[in-house]
N, C-alpha and C. Protein backbone atom coordinates (compact mmCIF):
# COMPACT_ATOMS: atom_id res chain seq x y z
N MET A 1 115.70 57.76 127.00
CA MET A 1 115.13 58.08 125.79
C MET A 1 115.08 59.56 125.50
N GLY A 2 114.64 60.24 126.44
CA GLY A 2 114.65 61.45 126.41
C GLY A 2 113.24 61.97 125.66
N ALA A 3 113.25 63.00 125.25
CA ALA A 3 112.10 63.94 125.01
C ALA A 3 111.29 63.27 123.78
N THR A 4 112.11 62.31 122.83
CA THR A 4 111.32 61.87 121.84
C THR A 4 110.26 60.57 122.49
N GLY A 5 110.66 59.86 123.36
CA GLY A 5 109.94 58.91 123.99
C GLY A 5 109.48 57.57 122.95
N GLY A 6 110.24 56.34 123.15
CA GLY A 6 109.72 55.16 122.53
C GLY A 6 110.22 55.12 121.08
N THR A 7 109.70 54.43 120.72
CA THR A 7 110.15 53.71 119.24
C THR A 7 109.62 54.47 117.89
N PRO A 8 110.25 54.57 116.79
CA PRO A 8 109.86 55.48 115.74
C PRO A 8 108.09 54.88 115.32
N GLU A 9 107.87 53.94 115.54
CA GLU A 9 106.23 53.58 115.29
C GLU A 9 105.60 54.47 116.30
N THR A 10 105.96 54.35 117.56
CA THR A 10 104.95 55.26 118.59
C THR A 10 105.09 56.63 118.36
N HIS A 11 106.37 57.19 117.92
CA HIS A 11 106.55 58.52 117.49
C HIS A 11 105.79 58.88 116.19
N LEU A 12 105.69 58.07 115.42
CA LEU A 12 104.86 58.21 114.41
C LEU A 12 103.48 58.37 114.59
N GLN A 13 103.01 57.37 115.48
CA GLN A 13 101.63 57.43 115.85
C GLN A 13 101.21 58.71 116.44
N MET A 14 102.09 59.08 117.23
CA MET A 14 101.60 60.41 117.90
C MET A 14 101.38 61.46 117.17
N LEU A 15 102.49 61.51 116.05
CA LEU A 15 102.43 62.78 115.23
C LEU A 15 101.28 62.40 114.14
N THR A 16 101.03 61.31 113.81
CA THR A 16 99.77 61.15 113.11
C THR A 16 98.41 61.66 113.89
N GLU A 17 98.29 61.31 115.01
CA GLU A 17 97.37 61.68 115.91
C GLU A 17 97.19 63.29 116.03
N LYS A 18 98.30 63.84 116.64
CA LYS A 18 98.29 65.00 116.74
C LYS A 18 98.14 66.24 115.49
N LEU A 19 98.59 65.74 114.32
CA LEU A 19 98.83 66.51 113.09
C LEU A 19 97.96 65.75 112.07
N ASN A 20 97.06 64.60 112.26
CA ASN A 20 96.33 64.24 111.07
C ASN A 20 97.18 64.00 109.95
N LEU A 21 98.37 63.25 110.13
CA LEU A 21 99.06 63.15 108.85
C LEU A 21 98.21 62.18 107.85
N THR A 22 98.44 62.34 106.87
CA THR A 22 97.99 61.20 105.59
C THR A 22 98.69 60.30 105.39
N ASP A 23 98.15 59.18 104.87
CA ASP A 23 99.07 57.86 104.55
C ASP A 23 100.31 58.36 103.59
N GLU A 24 100.30 59.24 102.72
CA GLU A 24 101.30 59.50 102.01
C GLU A 24 102.25 60.46 102.93
N GLN A 25 101.83 61.15 103.77
CA GLN A 25 102.95 61.76 104.76
C GLN A 25 103.62 60.72 105.78
N LYS A 26 102.63 59.68 106.19
CA LYS A 26 103.17 58.71 107.16
C LYS A 26 104.24 57.91 106.36
N ALA A 27 103.97 57.71 104.89
CA ALA A 27 104.96 56.94 104.53
C ALA A 27 106.39 57.35 104.28
N LYS A 28 106.47 59.01 104.18
CA LYS A 28 107.52 59.69 103.90
C LYS A 28 108.32 59.83 105.30
N ILE A 29 107.32 60.05 106.46
CA ILE A 29 107.90 60.33 107.69
C ILE A 29 108.67 58.95 108.35
N LYS A 30 107.93 58.00 108.38
CA LYS A 30 108.32 56.71 109.10
C LYS A 30 109.78 56.38 108.66
N PRO A 31 110.41 56.49 107.34
CA PRO A 31 112.00 56.30 107.10
C PRO A 31 112.82 57.41 107.88
N ILE A 32 112.16 58.61 107.97
CA ILE A 32 112.89 59.76 108.46
C ILE A 32 112.94 59.16 110.30
N LEU A 33 111.97 58.97 110.72
CA LEU A 33 112.05 58.67 112.12
C LEU A 33 113.04 57.67 112.50
N GLN A 34 112.78 56.41 111.36
CA GLN A 34 113.77 55.34 111.73
C GLN A 34 115.27 55.78 111.49
N ASP A 35 115.50 56.44 110.65
CA ASP A 35 116.68 56.99 110.34
C ASP A 35 117.41 57.81 111.73
N GLN A 36 116.45 58.42 112.28
CA GLN A 36 117.01 59.24 113.61
C GLN A 36 117.09 58.19 114.59
N GLU A 37 116.26 57.28 114.69
CA GLU A 37 116.44 56.37 115.75
C GLU A 37 118.08 55.53 115.65
N GLN A 38 118.20 55.37 114.49
CA GLN A 38 119.36 54.76 114.11
C GLN A 38 120.48 55.56 114.59
N GLN A 39 120.49 57.00 114.16
CA GLN A 39 121.57 57.64 114.59
C GLN A 39 121.72 58.30 115.83
N LEU A 40 120.59 58.08 116.59
CA LEU A 40 120.55 58.38 117.96
C LEU A 40 121.24 57.31 118.87
N LYS A 41 120.86 55.91 118.55
CA LYS A 41 121.65 54.72 118.92
C LYS A 41 122.84 54.63 118.67
N ALA A 42 123.47 55.11 117.54
CA ALA A 42 124.99 55.30 117.36
C ALA A 42 125.65 55.88 118.32
N ILE A 43 124.82 56.95 118.69
CA ILE A 43 125.70 58.12 119.57
C ILE A 43 125.48 57.57 121.03
N ARG A 44 124.36 56.98 121.30
CA ARG A 44 124.28 56.31 122.80
C ARG A 44 125.48 55.22 123.03
N ASP A 45 125.50 54.70 121.89
CA ASP A 45 126.52 53.52 122.21
C ASP A 45 127.92 53.91 121.81
N ASP A 46 128.51 55.01 121.45
CA ASP A 46 129.63 55.57 121.24
C ASP A 46 130.44 56.17 122.34
N THR A 47 131.17 55.16 122.94
CA THR A 47 131.72 55.38 124.34
C THR A 47 132.86 56.46 124.28
N SER A 48 133.30 56.77 123.01
CA SER A 48 134.49 57.67 122.77
C SER A 48 133.70 59.13 123.06
N LEU A 49 132.50 59.23 122.91
CA LEU A 49 131.97 60.78 123.06
C LEU A 49 131.87 61.15 124.82
N SER A 50 132.19 62.30 124.67
CA SER A 50 131.76 62.94 126.10
C SER A 50 130.21 63.17 126.46
N GLN A 51 130.00 63.32 127.38
CA GLN A 51 128.29 63.56 127.50
C GLN A 51 128.00 64.84 126.84
N GLU A 52 128.90 66.06 126.91
CA GLU A 52 128.64 67.17 126.14
C GLU A 52 128.38 66.95 124.72
N GLN A 53 129.39 66.06 124.34
CA GLN A 53 129.59 65.71 122.71
C GLN A 53 128.30 65.10 122.31
N LYS A 54 127.86 64.24 123.09
CA LYS A 54 126.52 63.69 122.78
C LYS A 54 125.35 64.60 122.79
N SER A 55 125.18 65.21 123.87
CA SER A 55 124.30 66.28 123.84
C SER A 55 123.99 67.02 122.32
N ALA A 56 125.25 67.72 122.12
CA ALA A 56 125.56 68.42 120.93
C ALA A 56 124.98 67.54 119.54
N LYS A 57 125.59 66.41 119.57
CA LYS A 57 125.20 65.72 118.45
C LYS A 57 123.59 65.55 118.17
N LYS A 58 123.14 64.87 119.38
CA LYS A 58 121.69 64.56 119.34
C LYS A 58 120.83 65.94 118.97
N LYS A 59 121.24 67.33 119.66
CA LYS A 59 120.56 68.19 119.19
C LYS A 59 120.55 68.66 117.99
N ALA A 60 121.90 68.53 117.26
CA ALA A 60 121.97 68.77 115.78
C ALA A 60 121.16 67.56 114.94
N ILE A 61 120.91 66.35 115.36
CA ILE A 61 120.29 65.50 114.74
C ILE A 61 118.83 65.69 115.03
N HIS A 62 118.52 66.12 116.04
CA HIS A 62 116.99 66.50 116.12
C HIS A 62 116.57 67.67 115.21
N GLU A 63 117.55 68.80 114.97
CA GLU A 63 117.24 69.80 114.48
C GLU A 63 116.87 69.31 112.74
N SER A 64 118.29 68.66 112.37
CA SER A 64 117.95 68.29 110.84
C SER A 64 116.76 67.46 110.56
N PHE A 65 116.44 66.47 111.58
CA PHE A 65 115.26 65.92 111.36
C PHE A 65 113.91 66.49 111.42
N HIS A 66 113.78 67.55 112.36
CA HIS A 66 112.51 68.40 112.05
C HIS A 66 112.27 69.22 111.01
N GLU A 67 113.59 69.58 110.26
CA GLU A 67 113.48 70.08 109.16
C GLU A 67 113.03 69.06 108.14
N GLN A 68 113.35 67.98 108.25
CA GLN A 68 113.07 67.26 107.25
C GLN A 68 111.58 66.74 107.36
N ILE A 69 111.20 66.67 108.57
CA ILE A 69 109.62 66.33 108.76
C ILE A 69 108.85 67.56 108.22
N ASN A 70 109.01 68.58 108.55
CA ASN A 70 108.68 70.05 108.37
C ASN A 70 108.47 70.04 106.65
N SER A 71 109.51 69.43 105.95
CA SER A 71 109.21 69.47 104.48
C SER A 71 108.17 68.71 103.99
N VAL A 72 107.55 67.76 104.80
CA VAL A 72 106.64 67.15 104.26
C VAL A 72 105.15 67.57 104.87
N LEU A 73 105.47 68.46 105.79
CA LEU A 73 103.95 68.87 106.64
C LEU A 73 103.14 70.21 105.62
N THR A 74 102.06 70.07 105.74
CA THR A 74 101.47 71.56 105.26
C THR A 74 101.62 72.46 106.12
N PRO A 75 101.72 73.77 105.70
CA PRO A 75 101.65 74.97 106.72
C PRO A 75 100.99 74.89 108.06
N GLU A 76 99.70 74.28 108.05
CA GLU A 76 98.95 74.15 109.37
C GLU A 76 99.63 73.27 110.10
N GLN A 77 99.95 72.00 109.50
CA GLN A 77 100.52 71.16 110.69
C GLN A 77 101.92 71.61 110.83
N GLN A 78 102.68 72.23 110.12
CA GLN A 78 104.07 72.83 110.36
C GLN A 78 103.59 73.78 111.71
N ALA A 79 102.96 74.69 111.99
CA ALA A 79 102.48 75.34 112.99
C ALA A 79 102.39 74.41 114.26
N LYS A 80 101.70 73.58 113.98
CA LYS A 80 101.32 72.51 115.14
C LYS A 80 102.32 71.78 115.54
N PHE A 81 103.10 71.41 114.81
CA PHE A 81 104.54 70.78 115.14
C PHE A 81 105.45 71.58 115.60
N LYS A 82 105.66 72.93 115.29
CA LYS A 82 106.15 73.68 116.29
C LYS A 82 105.84 73.72 117.45
N GLN A 83 104.44 74.25 117.73
CA GLN A 83 104.09 74.06 119.36
C GLN A 83 104.22 72.95 119.77
N MET A 84 104.04 71.62 119.32
CA MET A 84 104.43 70.67 120.04
C MET A 84 105.90 70.53 120.25
N LYS A 85 106.83 71.08 119.55
CA LYS A 85 108.31 70.94 120.01
C LYS A 85 108.34 72.00 121.12
N GLN A 86 107.81 73.39 121.04
CA GLN A 86 107.86 74.18 122.24
C GLN A 86 107.62 73.48 123.43
N GLU A 87 106.23 72.73 123.64
CA GLU A 87 105.35 72.17 124.67
C GLU A 87 106.79 71.06 124.92
N ALA A 88 107.06 70.25 124.13
CA ALA A 88 108.18 69.10 124.52
C ALA A 88 109.18 69.99 125.35
N MET A 89 109.98 71.06 124.58
CA MET A 89 110.95 71.84 125.14
C MET A 89 110.86 72.26 126.68
N GLU A 90 109.68 72.72 126.76
CA GLU A 90 109.21 73.32 128.19
C GLU A 90 109.44 72.51 129.45
N LYS A 91 108.51 71.13 128.86
CA LYS A 91 108.62 69.99 129.78
C LYS A 91 109.74 69.96 130.08
N HIS A 92 110.72 69.51 129.16
CA HIS A 92 112.47 69.18 129.22
C HIS A 92 112.91 69.77 130.11
N HIS A 93 112.60 71.11 130.28
CA HIS A 93 113.42 72.00 131.14
C HIS A 93 112.87 72.28 132.62
N GLN A 94 111.91 71.61 132.77
CA GLN A 94 111.28 71.79 134.06
C GLN A 94 111.92 70.98 135.19
């Protein structure tokens, strides 16, 4: 599963707790996370792709989804979200 960890629901739960999402924000972010899950699954299941291609595609998906989620967040939440991403990256590289 990698850096995201778990289902769209658990991911949403984590974002909700860390960013204090409003119900309106949750309603907008949930389909974004579900869509991301679908796309990542499609990549995992695609046997024609090399490991490098899978990594590159996953990275592109994560980046586009981070932008979509960012557009829903307040500036304060965006700063926190960015920090969370940094921490996740650092953990991932250790």
